[in-house]
Structure formats: C-alpha cells, structure tokens
Amino acid sequence: MKLTNEERQKIEELLRDSSYAKYHKRLQIIYFCSKEKSYKEIMDLLDCNKTTVRRNLKKYKEFGLEALLQETRGGRHREYMTYEEEQTFLKRHIEATQAG
C-alpha cells in the first residue's frame, strides 16, 4: 500500500501525539503496511492477529484515516434526568426503602 507524503506525515504526527495513544495500534498497522511489511511481520511487531490487521486496513481503504480515529466500542448510553425528575425518583425510592 502506498501513502502520499502528506498521509505519512499525518500518521507520524498522530503517533507522536499522546492524546491519540489508544489509536496507536491502528495507526501503526497502516504505517507498517505502507513500509511494505507483511501481515506476519505486522502481527509479530504489534502482537495482534491477522483479523485485526485486515479489518483496520479495510477500514482505512474504505473510509480514510478519520475512521481509524473513532471509538468503535459501544457503551452505556446514559440519559440524564432533570432536577425535578431526579427528586421524584429519589423520593419514590426513599419511601420504598422506608416501607420495607
């Protein structure tokens, strides 16, 4: 895979930036692939499996660098209550606790 000088510089800059530390493995996969490393070499260097390498390369080719810098894990989607809703909620639970 060939990267333009601009793409390579952007990846190198992101790898030096500690605020992107949780994306380093993804960025390193692209970087090493551009350096003509084989899947096996990348897997050994980064201690990851072939599926991880393939998935990240595919994502990069289809959607670009920004796709690698997004959190992909799900999570708990919290809905926040208004002050009044919270007061009603707490009052109901306190009363239920006191009632036994």
PDB file of N, CA and C in Angstrom:
ATOM      1  N   MET A   1       0.850  -1.168   0.000  1.00  0.00           N
ATOM      2  CA  MET A   1       0.000   0.000   0.000  1.00  0.00           C
ATOM      3  C   MET A   1       0.896   1.230   0.000  1.00  0.00           C
ATOM      4  N   LYS A   2       0.547   2.174  -0.813  1.00  0.00           N
ATOM      5  CA  LYS A   2       1.324   3.410  -0.918  1.00  0.00           C
ATOM      6  C   LYS A   2       0.560   4.547  -0.256  1.00  0.00           C
ATOM      7  N   LEU A   3       1.292   5.334   0.518  1.00  0.00           N
ATOM      8  CA  LEU A   3       0.737   6.526   1.137  1.00  0.00           C
ATOM      9  C   LEU A   3       1.397   7.743   0.512  1.00  0.00           C
ATOM     10  N   THR A   4       0.662   8.822   0.426  1.00  0.00           N
ATOM     11  CA  THR A   4       1.279  10.067  -0.027  1.00  0.00           C
ATOM     12  C   THR A   4       2.141  10.595   1.114  1.00  0.00           C
ATOM     13  N   ASN A   5       3.030  11.509   0.788  1.00  0.00           N
ATOM     14  CA  ASN A   5       3.887  12.106   1.828  1.00  0.00           C
ATOM     15  C   ASN A   5       3.031  12.792   2.891  1.00  0.00           C
ATOM     16  N   GLU A   6       1.960  13.427   2.458  1.00  0.00           N
ATOM     17  CA  GLU A   6       1.069  14.113   3.398  1.00  0.00           C
ATOM     18  C   GLU A   6       0.403  13.123   4.361  1.00  0.00           C
ATOM     19  N   GLU A   7      -0.067  11.998   3.822  1.00  0.00           N
ATOM     20  CA  GLU A   7      -0.690  10.972   4.668  1.00  0.00           C
ATOM     21  C   GLU A   7       0.325  10.390   5.654  1.00  0.00           C
ATOM     22  N   ARG A   8       1.522  10.105   5.165  1.00  0.00           N
ATOM     23  CA  ARG A   8       2.554   9.534   6.028  1.00  0.00           C
ATOM     24  C   ARG A   8       2.928  10.519   7.140  1.00  0.00           C
ATOM     25  N   GLN A   9       3.067  11.788   6.808  1.00  0.00           N
ATOM     26  CA  GLN A   9       3.400  12.796   7.814  1.00  0.00           C
ATOM     27  C   GLN A   9       2.289  12.924   8.845  1.00  0.00           C
ATOM     28  N   LYS A  10       1.038  12.860   8.401  1.00  0.00           N
ATOM     29  CA  LYS A  10      -0.094  12.950   9.322  1.00  0.00           C
ATOM     30  C   LYS A  10      -0.086  11.769  10.297  1.00  0.00           C
ATOM     31  N   ILE A  11       0.156  10.560   9.791  1.00  0.00           N
ATOM     32  CA  ILE A  11       0.198   9.373  10.642  1.00  0.00           C
ATOM     33  C   ILE A  11       1.354   9.463  11.631  1.00  0.00           C
ATOM     34  N   GLU A  12       2.527   9.889  11.170  1.00  0.00           N
ATOM     35  CA  GLU A  12       3.678  10.038  12.063  1.00  0.00           C
ATOM     36  C   GLU A  12       3.393  11.077  13.148  1.00  0.00           C
ATOM     37  N   GLU A  13       2.727  12.164  12.776  1.00  0.00           N
ATOM     38  CA  GLU A  13       2.374  13.200  13.747  1.00  0.00           C
ATOM     39  C   GLU A  13       1.398  12.651  14.793  1.00  0.00           C
ATOM     40  N   LEU A  14       0.409  11.880  14.357  1.00  0.00           N
ATOM     41  CA  LEU A  14      -0.565  11.300  15.287  1.00  0.00           C
ATOM     42  C   LEU A  14       0.087  10.269  16.211  1.00  0.00           C
ATOM     43  N   LEU A  15       1.064   9.534  15.692  1.00  0.00           N
ATOM     44  CA  LEU A  15       1.764   8.557  16.520  1.00  0.00           C
ATOM     45  C   LEU A  15       2.592   9.229  17.610  1.00  0.00           C
ATOM     46  N   ARG A  16       3.074  10.430  17.354  1.00  0.00           N
ATOM     47  CA  ARG A  16       3.843  11.169  18.364  1.00  0.00           C
ATOM     48  C   ARG A  16       2.935  11.853  19.384  1.00  0.00           C
ATOM     49  N   ASP A  17       1.695  12.075  19.012  1.00  0.00           N
ATOM     50  CA  ASP A  17       0.741  12.772  19.881  1.00  0.00           C
ATOM     51  C   ASP A  17       0.152  11.795  20.896  1.00  0.00           C
ATOM     52  N   SER A  18       0.428  12.015  22.162  1.00  0.00           N
ATOM     53  CA  SER A  18      -0.022  11.070  23.198  1.00  0.00           C
ATOM     54  C   SER A  18      -1.536  11.070  23.387  1.00  0.00           C
ATOM     55  N   SER A  19      -2.221  12.093  22.924  1.00  0.00           N
ATOM     56  CA  SER A  19      -3.674  12.102  23.075  1.00  0.00           C
ATOM     57  C   SER A  19      -4.345  11.085  22.149  1.00  0.00           C
ATOM     58  N   TYR A  20      -3.602  10.553  21.202  1.00  0.00           N
ATOM     59  CA  TYR A  20      -4.119   9.517  20.304  1.00  0.00           C
ATOM     60  C   TYR A  20      -3.565   8.141  20.642  1.00  0.00           C
ATOM     61  N   ALA A  21      -3.079   7.966  21.871  1.00  0.00           N
ATOM     62  CA  ALA A  21      -2.427   6.716  22.266  1.00  0.00           C
ATOM     63  C   ALA A  21      -3.327   5.499  22.085  1.00  0.00           C
ATOM     64  N   LYS A  22      -4.628   5.638  22.326  1.00  0.00           N
ATOM     65  CA  LYS A  22      -5.494   4.471  22.215  1.00  0.00           C
ATOM     66  C   LYS A  22      -5.708   4.036  20.763  1.00  0.00           C
ATOM     67  N   TYR A  23      -5.283   4.863  19.810  1.00  0.00           N
ATOM     68  CA  TYR A  23      -5.403   4.510  18.394  1.00  0.00           C
ATOM     69  C   TYR A  23      -4.059   4.131  17.776  1.00  0.00           C
ATOM     70  N   HIS A  24      -2.988   4.068  18.581  1.00  0.00           N
ATOM     71  CA  HIS A  24      -1.649   3.827  18.041  1.00  0.00           C
ATOM     72  C   HIS A  24      -1.555   2.519  17.259  1.00  0.00           C
ATOM     73  N   LYS A  25      -2.141   1.451  17.770  1.00  0.00           N
ATOM     74  CA  LYS A  25      -2.023   0.173  17.068  1.00  0.00           C
ATOM     75  C   LYS A  25      -2.653   0.263  15.678  1.00  0.00           C
ATOM     76  N   ARG A  26      -3.801   0.920  15.584  1.00  0.00           N
ATOM     77  CA  ARG A  26      -4.462   1.087  14.293  1.00  0.00           C
ATOM     78  C   ARG A  26      -3.588   1.887  13.339  1.00  0.00           C
ATOM     79  N   LEU A  27      -3.008   2.967  13.848  1.00  0.00           N
ATOM     80  CA  LEU A  27      -2.149   3.814  13.024  1.00  0.00           C
ATOM     81  C   LEU A  27      -0.869   3.083  12.628  1.00  0.00           C
ATOM     82  N   GLN A  28      -0.317   2.306  13.554  1.00  0.00           N
ATOM     83  CA  GLN A  28       0.906   1.563  13.254  1.00  0.00           C
ATOM     84  C   GLN A  28       0.661   0.511  12.177  1.00  0.00           C
ATOM     85  N   ILE A  29      -0.510  -0.098  12.183  1.00  0.00           N
ATOM     86  CA  ILE A  29      -0.829  -1.088  11.144  1.00  0.00           C
ATOM     87  C   ILE A  29      -0.745  -0.436   9.773  1.00  0.00           C
ATOM     88  N   ILE A  30      -1.350   0.733   9.621  1.00  0.00           N
ATOM     89  CA  ILE A  30      -1.318   1.443   8.341  1.00  0.00           C
ATOM     90  C   ILE A  30       0.102   1.860   7.997  1.00  0.00           C
ATOM     91  N   TYR A  31       0.817   2.364   8.984  1.00  0.00           N
ATOM     92  CA  TYR A  31       2.182   2.832   8.768  1.00  0.00           C
ATOM     93  C   TYR A  31       3.093   1.685   8.318  1.00  0.00           C
ATOM     94  N   PHE A  32       3.039   0.559   9.028  1.00  0.00           N
ATOM     95  CA  PHE A  32       3.886  -0.580   8.666  1.00  0.00           C
ATOM     96  C   PHE A  32       3.491  -1.173   7.315  1.00  0.00           C
ATOM     97  N   CYS A  33       2.215  -1.163   7.028  1.00  0.00           N
ATOM     98  CA  CYS A  33       1.772  -1.672   5.735  1.00  0.00           C
ATOM     99  C   CYS A  33       2.327  -0.795   4.605  1.00  0.00           C
ATOM    100  N   SER A  34       2.386   0.508   4.830  1.00  0.00           N
ATOM    101  CA  SER A  34       2.938   1.412   3.825  1.00  0.00           C
ATOM    102  C   SER A  34       4.444   1.212   3.658  1.00  0.00           C
ATOM    103  N   LYS A  35       5.078   0.637   4.681  1.00  0.00           N
ATOM    104  CA  LYS A  35       6.515   0.336   4.618  1.00  0.00           C
ATOM    105  C   LYS A  35       6.767  -1.053   4.030  1.00  0.00           C
ATOM    106  N   GLU A  36       5.731  -1.625   3.403  1.00  0.00           N
ATOM    107  CA  GLU A  36       5.816  -2.928   2.727  1.00  0.00           C
ATOM    108  C   GLU A  36       6.068  -4.093   3.684  1.00  0.00           C
ATOM    109  N   LYS A  37       5.618  -3.978   4.918  1.00  0.00           N
ATOM    110  CA  LYS A  37       5.715  -5.100   5.863  1.00  0.00           C
ATOM    111  C   LYS A  37       4.596  -6.086   5.551  1.00  0.00           C
ATOM    112  N   SER A  38       4.867  -7.362   5.737  1.00  0.00           N
ATOM    113  CA  SER A  38       3.852  -8.386   5.515  1.00  0.00           C
ATOM    114  C   SER A  38       2.906  -8.440   6.705  1.00  0.00           C
ATOM    115  N   TYR A  39       1.770  -9.105   6.500  1.00  0.00           N
ATOM    116  CA  TYR A  39       0.825  -9.281   7.608  1.00  0.00           C
ATOM    117  C   TYR A  39       1.519  -9.967   8.782  1.00  0.00           C
ATOM    118  N   LYS A  40       2.313 -10.962   8.493  1.00  0.00           N
ATOM    119  CA  LYS A  40       3.005 -11.731   9.546  1.00  0.00           C
ATOM    120  C   LYS A  40       3.943 -10.817  10.339  1.00  0.00           C
ATOM    121  N   GLU A  41       4.689  -9.983   9.650  1.00  0.00           N
ATOM    122  CA  GLU A  41       5.603  -9.062  10.329  1.00  0.00           C
ATOM    123  C   GLU A  41       4.835  -8.070  11.202  1.00  0.00           C
ATOM    124  N   ILE A  42       3.724  -7.544  10.669  1.00  0.00           N
ATOM    125  CA  ILE A  42       2.909  -6.595  11.430  1.00  0.00           C
ATOM    126  C   ILE A  42       2.323  -7.287  12.655  1.00  0.00           C
ATOM    127  N   MET A  43       1.841  -8.508  12.474  1.00  0.00           N
ATOM    128  CA  MET A  43       1.268  -9.266  13.585  1.00  0.00           C
ATOM    129  C   MET A  43       2.301  -9.477  14.684  1.00  0.00           C
ATOM    130  N   ASP A  44       3.518  -9.802  14.305  1.00  0.00           N
ATOM    131  CA  ASP A  44       4.580 -10.032  15.282  1.00  0.00           C
ATOM    132  C   ASP A  44       5.011  -8.734  15.971  1.00  0.00           C
ATOM    133  N   LEU A  45       5.133  -7.655  15.198  1.00  0.00           N
ATOM    134  CA  LEU A  45       5.560  -6.373  15.765  1.00  0.00           C
ATOM    135  C   LEU A  45       4.541  -5.810  16.756  1.00  0.00           C
ATOM    136  N   LEU A  46       3.258  -5.950  16.422  1.00  0.00           N
ATOM    137  CA  LEU A  46       2.211  -5.311  17.226  1.00  0.00           C
ATOM    138  C   LEU A  46       1.468  -6.278  18.136  1.00  0.00           C
ATOM    139  N   ASP A  47       1.827  -7.542  18.076  1.00  0.00           N
ATOM    140  CA  ASP A  47       1.180  -8.562  18.899  1.00  0.00           C
ATOM    141  C   ASP A  47      -0.348  -8.530  18.720  1.00  0.00           C
ATOM    142  N   CYS A  48      -0.762  -8.659  17.466  1.00  0.00           N
ATOM    143  CA  CYS A  48      -2.183  -8.706  17.164  1.00  0.00           C
ATOM    144  C   CYS A  48      -2.418  -9.824  16.152  1.00  0.00           C
ATOM    145  N   ASN A  49      -3.665 -10.100  15.843  1.00  0.00           N
ATOM    146  CA  ASN A  49      -3.946 -11.191  14.917  1.00  0.00           C
ATOM    147  C   ASN A  49      -4.229 -10.674  13.502  1.00  0.00           C
ATOM    148  N   LYS A  50      -4.327 -11.590  12.582  1.00  0.00           N
ATOM    149  CA  LYS A  50      -4.498 -11.251  11.176  1.00  0.00           C
ATOM    150  C   LYS A  50      -5.811 -10.515  10.922  1.00  0.00           C
ATOM    151  N   THR A  51      -6.839 -10.896  11.659  1.00  0.00           N
ATOM    152  CA  THR A  51      -8.148 -10.253  11.501  1.00  0.00           C
ATOM    153  C   THR A  51      -8.068  -8.772  11.850  1.00  0.00           C
ATOM    154  N   THR A  52      -7.329  -8.441  12.893  1.00  0.00           N
ATOM    155  CA  THR A  52      -7.172  -7.044  13.303  1.00  0.00           C
ATOM    156  C   THR A  52      -6.472  -6.249  12.209  1.00  0.00           C
ATOM    157  N   VAL A  53      -5.431  -6.818  11.646  1.00  0.00           N
ATOM    158  CA  VAL A  53      -4.685  -6.144  10.572  1.00  0.00           C
ATOM    159  C   VAL A  53      -5.595  -5.939   9.370  1.00  0.00           C
ATOM    160  N   ARG A  54      -6.266  -6.990   8.960  1.00  0.00           N
ATOM    161  CA  ARG A  54      -7.162  -6.917   7.796  1.00  0.00           C
ATOM    162  C   ARG A  54      -8.281  -5.897   7.996  1.00  0.00           C
ATOM    163  N   ARG A  55      -8.918  -5.959   9.170  1.00  0.00           N
ATOM    164  CA  ARG A  55     -10.048  -5.077   9.464  1.00  0.00           C
ATOM    165  C   ARG A  55      -9.635  -3.610   9.416  1.00  0.00           C
ATOM    166  N   ASN A  56      -8.487  -3.300  10.017  1.00  0.00           N
ATOM    167  CA  ASN A  56      -8.030  -1.909  10.044  1.00  0.00           C
ATOM    168  C   ASN A  56      -7.589  -1.410   8.670  1.00  0.00           C
ATOM    169  N   LEU A  57      -6.962  -2.268   7.891  1.00  0.00           N
ATOM    170  CA  LEU A  57      -6.588  -1.873   6.533  1.00  0.00           C
ATOM    171  C   LEU A  57      -7.825  -1.629   5.673  1.00  0.00           C
ATOM    172  N   LYS A  58      -8.804  -2.499   5.808  1.00  0.00           N
ATOM    173  CA  LYS A  58     -10.046  -2.346   5.044  1.00  0.00           C
ATOM    174  C   LYS A  58     -10.749  -1.043   5.422  1.00  0.00           C
ATOM    175  N   LYS A  59     -10.805  -0.776   6.720  1.00  0.00           N
ATOM    176  CA  LYS A  59     -11.459   0.446   7.201  1.00  0.00           C
ATOM    177  C   LYS A  59     -10.734   1.684   6.663  1.00  0.00           C
ATOM    178  N   TYR A  60      -9.406   1.625   6.667  1.00  0.00           N
ATOM    179  CA  TYR A  60      -8.623   2.758   6.164  1.00  0.00           C
ATOM    180  C   TYR A  60      -8.862   2.967   4.671  1.00  0.00           C
ATOM    181  N   LYS A  61      -8.844   1.880   3.901  1.00  0.00           N
ATOM    182  CA  LYS A  61      -9.037   1.992   2.456  1.00  0.00           C
ATOM    183  C   LYS A  61     -10.428   2.503   2.094  1.00  0.00           C
ATOM    184  N   GLU A  62     -11.441   2.072   2.858  1.00  0.00           N
ATOM    185  CA  GLU A  62     -12.810   2.465   2.546  1.00  0.00           C
ATOM    186  C   GLU A  62     -13.167   3.860   3.043  1.00  0.00           C
ATOM    187  N   PHE A  63     -12.726   4.192   4.265  1.00  0.00           N
ATOM    188  CA  PHE A  63     -13.212   5.417   4.893  1.00  0.00           C
ATOM    189  C   PHE A  63     -12.129   6.437   5.237  1.00  0.00           C
ATOM    190  N   GLY A  64     -10.868   6.062   5.104  1.00  0.00           N
ATOM    191  CA  GLY A  64      -9.793   7.004   5.359  1.00  0.00           C
ATOM    192  C   GLY A  64      -9.325   7.015   6.802  1.00  0.00           C
ATOM    193  N   LEU A  65      -8.422   7.920   7.078  1.00  0.00           N
ATOM    194  CA  LEU A  65      -7.759   7.999   8.374  1.00  0.00           C
ATOM    195  C   LEU A  65      -8.722   8.337   9.510  1.00  0.00           C
ATOM    196  N   GLU A  66      -9.695   9.170   9.249  1.00  0.00           N
ATOM    197  CA  GLU A  66     -10.629   9.577  10.306  1.00  0.00           C
ATOM    198  C   GLU A  66     -11.410   8.397  10.870  1.00  0.00           C
ATOM    199  N   ALA A  67     -11.668   7.381  10.049  1.00  0.00           N
ATOM    200  CA  ALA A  67     -12.405   6.204  10.519  1.00  0.00           C
ATOM    201  C   ALA A  67     -11.608   5.436  11.578  1.00  0.00           C
ATOM    202  N   LEU A  68     -10.279   5.493  11.494  1.00  0.00           N
ATOM    203  CA  LEU A  68      -9.447   4.804  12.477  1.00  0.00           C
ATOM    204  C   LEU A  68      -9.370   5.552  13.804  1.00  0.00           C
ATOM    205  N   LEU A  69      -9.725   6.822  13.779  1.00  0.00           N
ATOM    206  CA  LEU A  69      -9.605   7.660  14.972  1.00  0.00           C
ATOM    207  C   LEU A  69     -10.930   7.816  15.699  1.00  0.00           C
ATOM    208  N   GLN A  70     -11.862   6.924  15.417  1.00  0.00           N
ATOM    209  CA  GLN A  70     -13.151   6.967  16.090  1.00  0.00           C
ATOM    210  C   GLN A  70     -13.277   5.773  17.014  1.00  0.00           C
ATOM    211  N   GLU A  71     -13.902   6.001  18.148  1.00  0.00           N
ATOM    212  CA  GLU A  71     -14.141   4.913  19.101  1.00  0.00           C
ATOM    213  C   GLU A  71     -15.210   4.006  18.504  1.00  0.00           C
ATOM    214  N   THR A  72     -14.909   2.724  18.443  1.00  0.00           N
ATOM    215  CA  THR A  72     -15.846   1.796  17.818  1.00  0.00           C
ATOM    216  C   THR A  72     -16.622   0.969  18.821  1.00  0.00           C
ATOM    217  N   ARG A  73     -16.223   1.020  20.041  1.00  0.00           N
ATOM    218  CA  ARG A  73     -16.917   0.229  21.048  1.00  0.00           C
ATOM    219  C   ARG A  73     -18.242   0.882  21.406  1.00  0.00           C
ATOM    220  N   GLY A  74     -19.173   0.031  21.743  1.00  0.00           N
ATOM    221  CA  GLY A  74     -20.440   0.541  22.233  1.00  0.00           C
ATOM    222  C   GLY A  74     -20.263   0.977  23.668  1.00  0.00           C
ATOM    223  N   GLY A  75     -21.304   1.318  24.271  1.00  0.00           N
ATOM    224  CA  GLY A  75     -21.209   1.720  25.650  1.00  0.00           C
ATOM    225  C   GLY A  75     -22.583   2.004  26.196  1.00  0.00           C
ATOM    226  N   ARG A  76     -22.599   2.320  27.412  1.00  0.00           N
ATOM    227  CA  ARG A  76     -23.861   2.629  28.049  1.00  0.00           C
ATOM    228  C   ARG A  76     -24.266   4.036  27.638  1.00  0.00           C
ATOM    229  N   HIS A  77     -25.440   4.149  27.083  1.00  0.00           N
ATOM    230  CA  HIS A  77     -25.947   5.447  26.671  1.00  0.00           C
ATOM    231  C   HIS A  77     -26.818   5.981  27.797  1.00  0.00           C
ATOM    232  N   ARG A  78     -26.246   6.854  28.553  1.00  0.00           N
ATOM    233  CA  ARG A  78     -26.940   7.373  29.722  1.00  0.00           C
ATOM    234  C   ARG A  78     -27.871   8.506  29.324  1.00  0.00           C
ATOM    235  N   GLU A  79     -29.013   8.473  29.905  1.00  0.00           N
ATOM    236  CA  GLU A  79     -29.930   9.588  29.745  1.00  0.00           C
ATOM    237  C   GLU A  79     -29.989  10.292  31.080  1.00  0.00           C
ATOM    238  N   TYR A  80     -29.783  11.584  31.055  1.00  0.00           N
ATOM    239  CA  TYR A  80     -29.762  12.336  32.289  1.00  0.00           C
ATOM    240  C   TYR A  80     -31.150  12.873  32.602  1.00  0.00           C
ATOM    241  N   MET A  81     -31.464  12.855  33.881  1.00  0.00           N
ATOM    242  CA  MET A  81     -32.751  13.353  34.348  1.00  0.00           C
ATOM    243  C   MET A  81     -32.633  14.832  34.675  1.00  0.00           C
ATOM    244  N   THR A  82     -33.763  15.502  34.588  1.00  0.00           N
ATOM    245  CA  THR A  82     -33.794  16.883  35.047  1.00  0.00           C
ATOM    246  C   THR A  82     -33.762  16.851  36.574  1.00  0.00           C
ATOM    247  N   TYR A  83     -33.562  17.985  37.172  1.00  0.00           N
ATOM    248  CA  TYR A  83     -33.500  18.068  38.635  1.00  0.00           C
ATOM    249  C   TYR A  83     -34.810  17.578  39.247  1.00  0.00           C
ATOM    250  N   GLU A  84     -35.928  17.975  38.666  1.00  0.00           N
ATOM    251  CA  GLU A  84     -37.234  17.586  39.191  1.00  0.00           C
ATOM    252  C   GLU A  84     -37.455  16.084  39.065  1.00  0.00           C
ATOM    253  N   GLU A  85     -37.079  15.523  37.919  1.00  0.00           N
ATOM    254  CA  GLU A  85     -37.229  14.079  37.723  1.00  0.00           C
ATOM    255  C   GLU A  85     -36.379  13.300  38.722  1.00  0.00           C
ATOM    256  N   GLU A  86     -35.180  13.791  38.961  1.00  0.00           N
ATOM    257  CA  GLU A  86     -34.292  13.122  39.908  1.00  0.00           C
ATOM    258  C   GLU A  86     -34.865  13.176  41.323  1.00  0.00           C
ATOM    259  N   GLN A  87     -35.414  14.313  41.712  1.00  0.00           N
ATOM    260  CA  GLN A  87     -36.014  14.454  43.038  1.00  0.00           C
ATOM    261  C   GLN A  87     -37.184  13.487  43.207  1.00  0.00           C
ATOM    262  N   THR A  88     -38.036  13.378  42.173  1.00  0.00           N
ATOM    263  CA  THR A  88     -39.172  12.456  42.216  1.00  0.00           C
ATOM    264  C   THR A  88     -38.683  11.017  42.320  1.00  0.00           C
ATOM    265  N   PHE A  89     -37.682  10.676  41.538  1.00  0.00           N
ATOM    266  CA  PHE A  89     -37.110   9.336  41.537  1.00  0.00           C
ATOM    267  C   PHE A  89     -36.553   8.978  42.914  1.00  0.00           C
ATOM    268  N   LEU A  90     -35.758   9.880  43.483  1.00  0.00           N
ATOM    269  CA  LEU A  90     -35.152   9.628  44.790  1.00  0.00           C
ATOM    270  C   LEU A  90     -36.208   9.536  45.891  1.00  0.00           C
ATOM    271  N   LYS A  91     -37.202  10.408  45.821  1.00  0.00           N
ATOM    272  CA  LYS A  91     -38.267  10.397  46.830  1.00  0.00           C
ATOM    273  C   LYS A  91     -39.000   9.056  46.812  1.00  0.00           C
ATOM    274  N   ARG A  92     -39.316   8.585  45.603  1.00  0.00           N
ATOM    275  CA  ARG A  92     -40.024   7.308  45.461  1.00  0.00           C
ATOM    276  C   ARG A  92     -39.193   6.155  46.050  1.00  0.00           C
ATOM    277  N   HIS A  93     -37.899   6.143  45.772  1.00  0.00           N
ATOM    278  CA  HIS A  93     -37.046   5.059  46.258  1.00  0.00           C
ATOM    279  C   HIS A  93     -36.790   5.148  47.768  1.00  0.00           C
ATOM    280  N   ILE A  94     -36.690   6.345  48.283  1.00  0.00           N
ATOM    281  CA  ILE A  94     -36.517   6.502  49.731  1.00  0.00           C
ATOM    282  C   ILE A  94     -37.763   6.023  50.462  1.00  0.00           C
ATOM    283  N   GLU A  95     -38.934   6.377  49.933  1.00  0.00           N
ATOM    284  CA  GLU A  95     -40.187   5.934  50.546  1.00  0.00           C
ATOM    285  C   GLU A  95     -40.316   4.404  50.487  1.00  0.00           C
ATOM    286  N   ALA A  96     -39.926   3.817  49.357  1.00  0.00           N
ATOM    287  CA  ALA A  96     -39.999   2.367  49.218  1.00  0.00           C
ATOM    288  C   ALA A  96     -39.042   1.681  50.189  1.00  0.00           C
ATOM    289  N   THR A  97     -37.885   2.260  50.395  1.00  0.00           N
ATOM    290  CA  THR A  97     -36.900   1.703  51.326  1.00  0.00           C
ATOM    291  C   THR A  97     -37.410   1.788  52.768  1.00  0.00           C
ATOM    292  N   GLN A  98     -38.008   2.896  53.110  1.00  0.00           N
ATOM    293  CA  GLN A  98     -38.521   3.067  54.468  1.00  0.00           C
ATOM    294  C   GLN A  98     -39.718   2.153  54.737  1.00  0.00           C
ATOM    295  N   ALA A  99     -40.496   1.868  53.692  1.00  0.00           N
ATOM    296  CA  ALA A  99     -41.659   0.999  53.844  1.00  0.00           C
ATOM    297  C   ALA A  99     -41.226  -0.455  54.001  1.00  0.00           C
ATOM    298  N   GLY A 100     -40.037  -0.767  53.586  1.00  0.00           N
ATOM    299  CA  GLY A 100     -39.525  -2.130  53.769  1.00  0.00           C
ATOM    300  C   GLY A 100     -39.530  -2.850  52.496  1.00  0.00           C
TER     301      GLY A 100
END
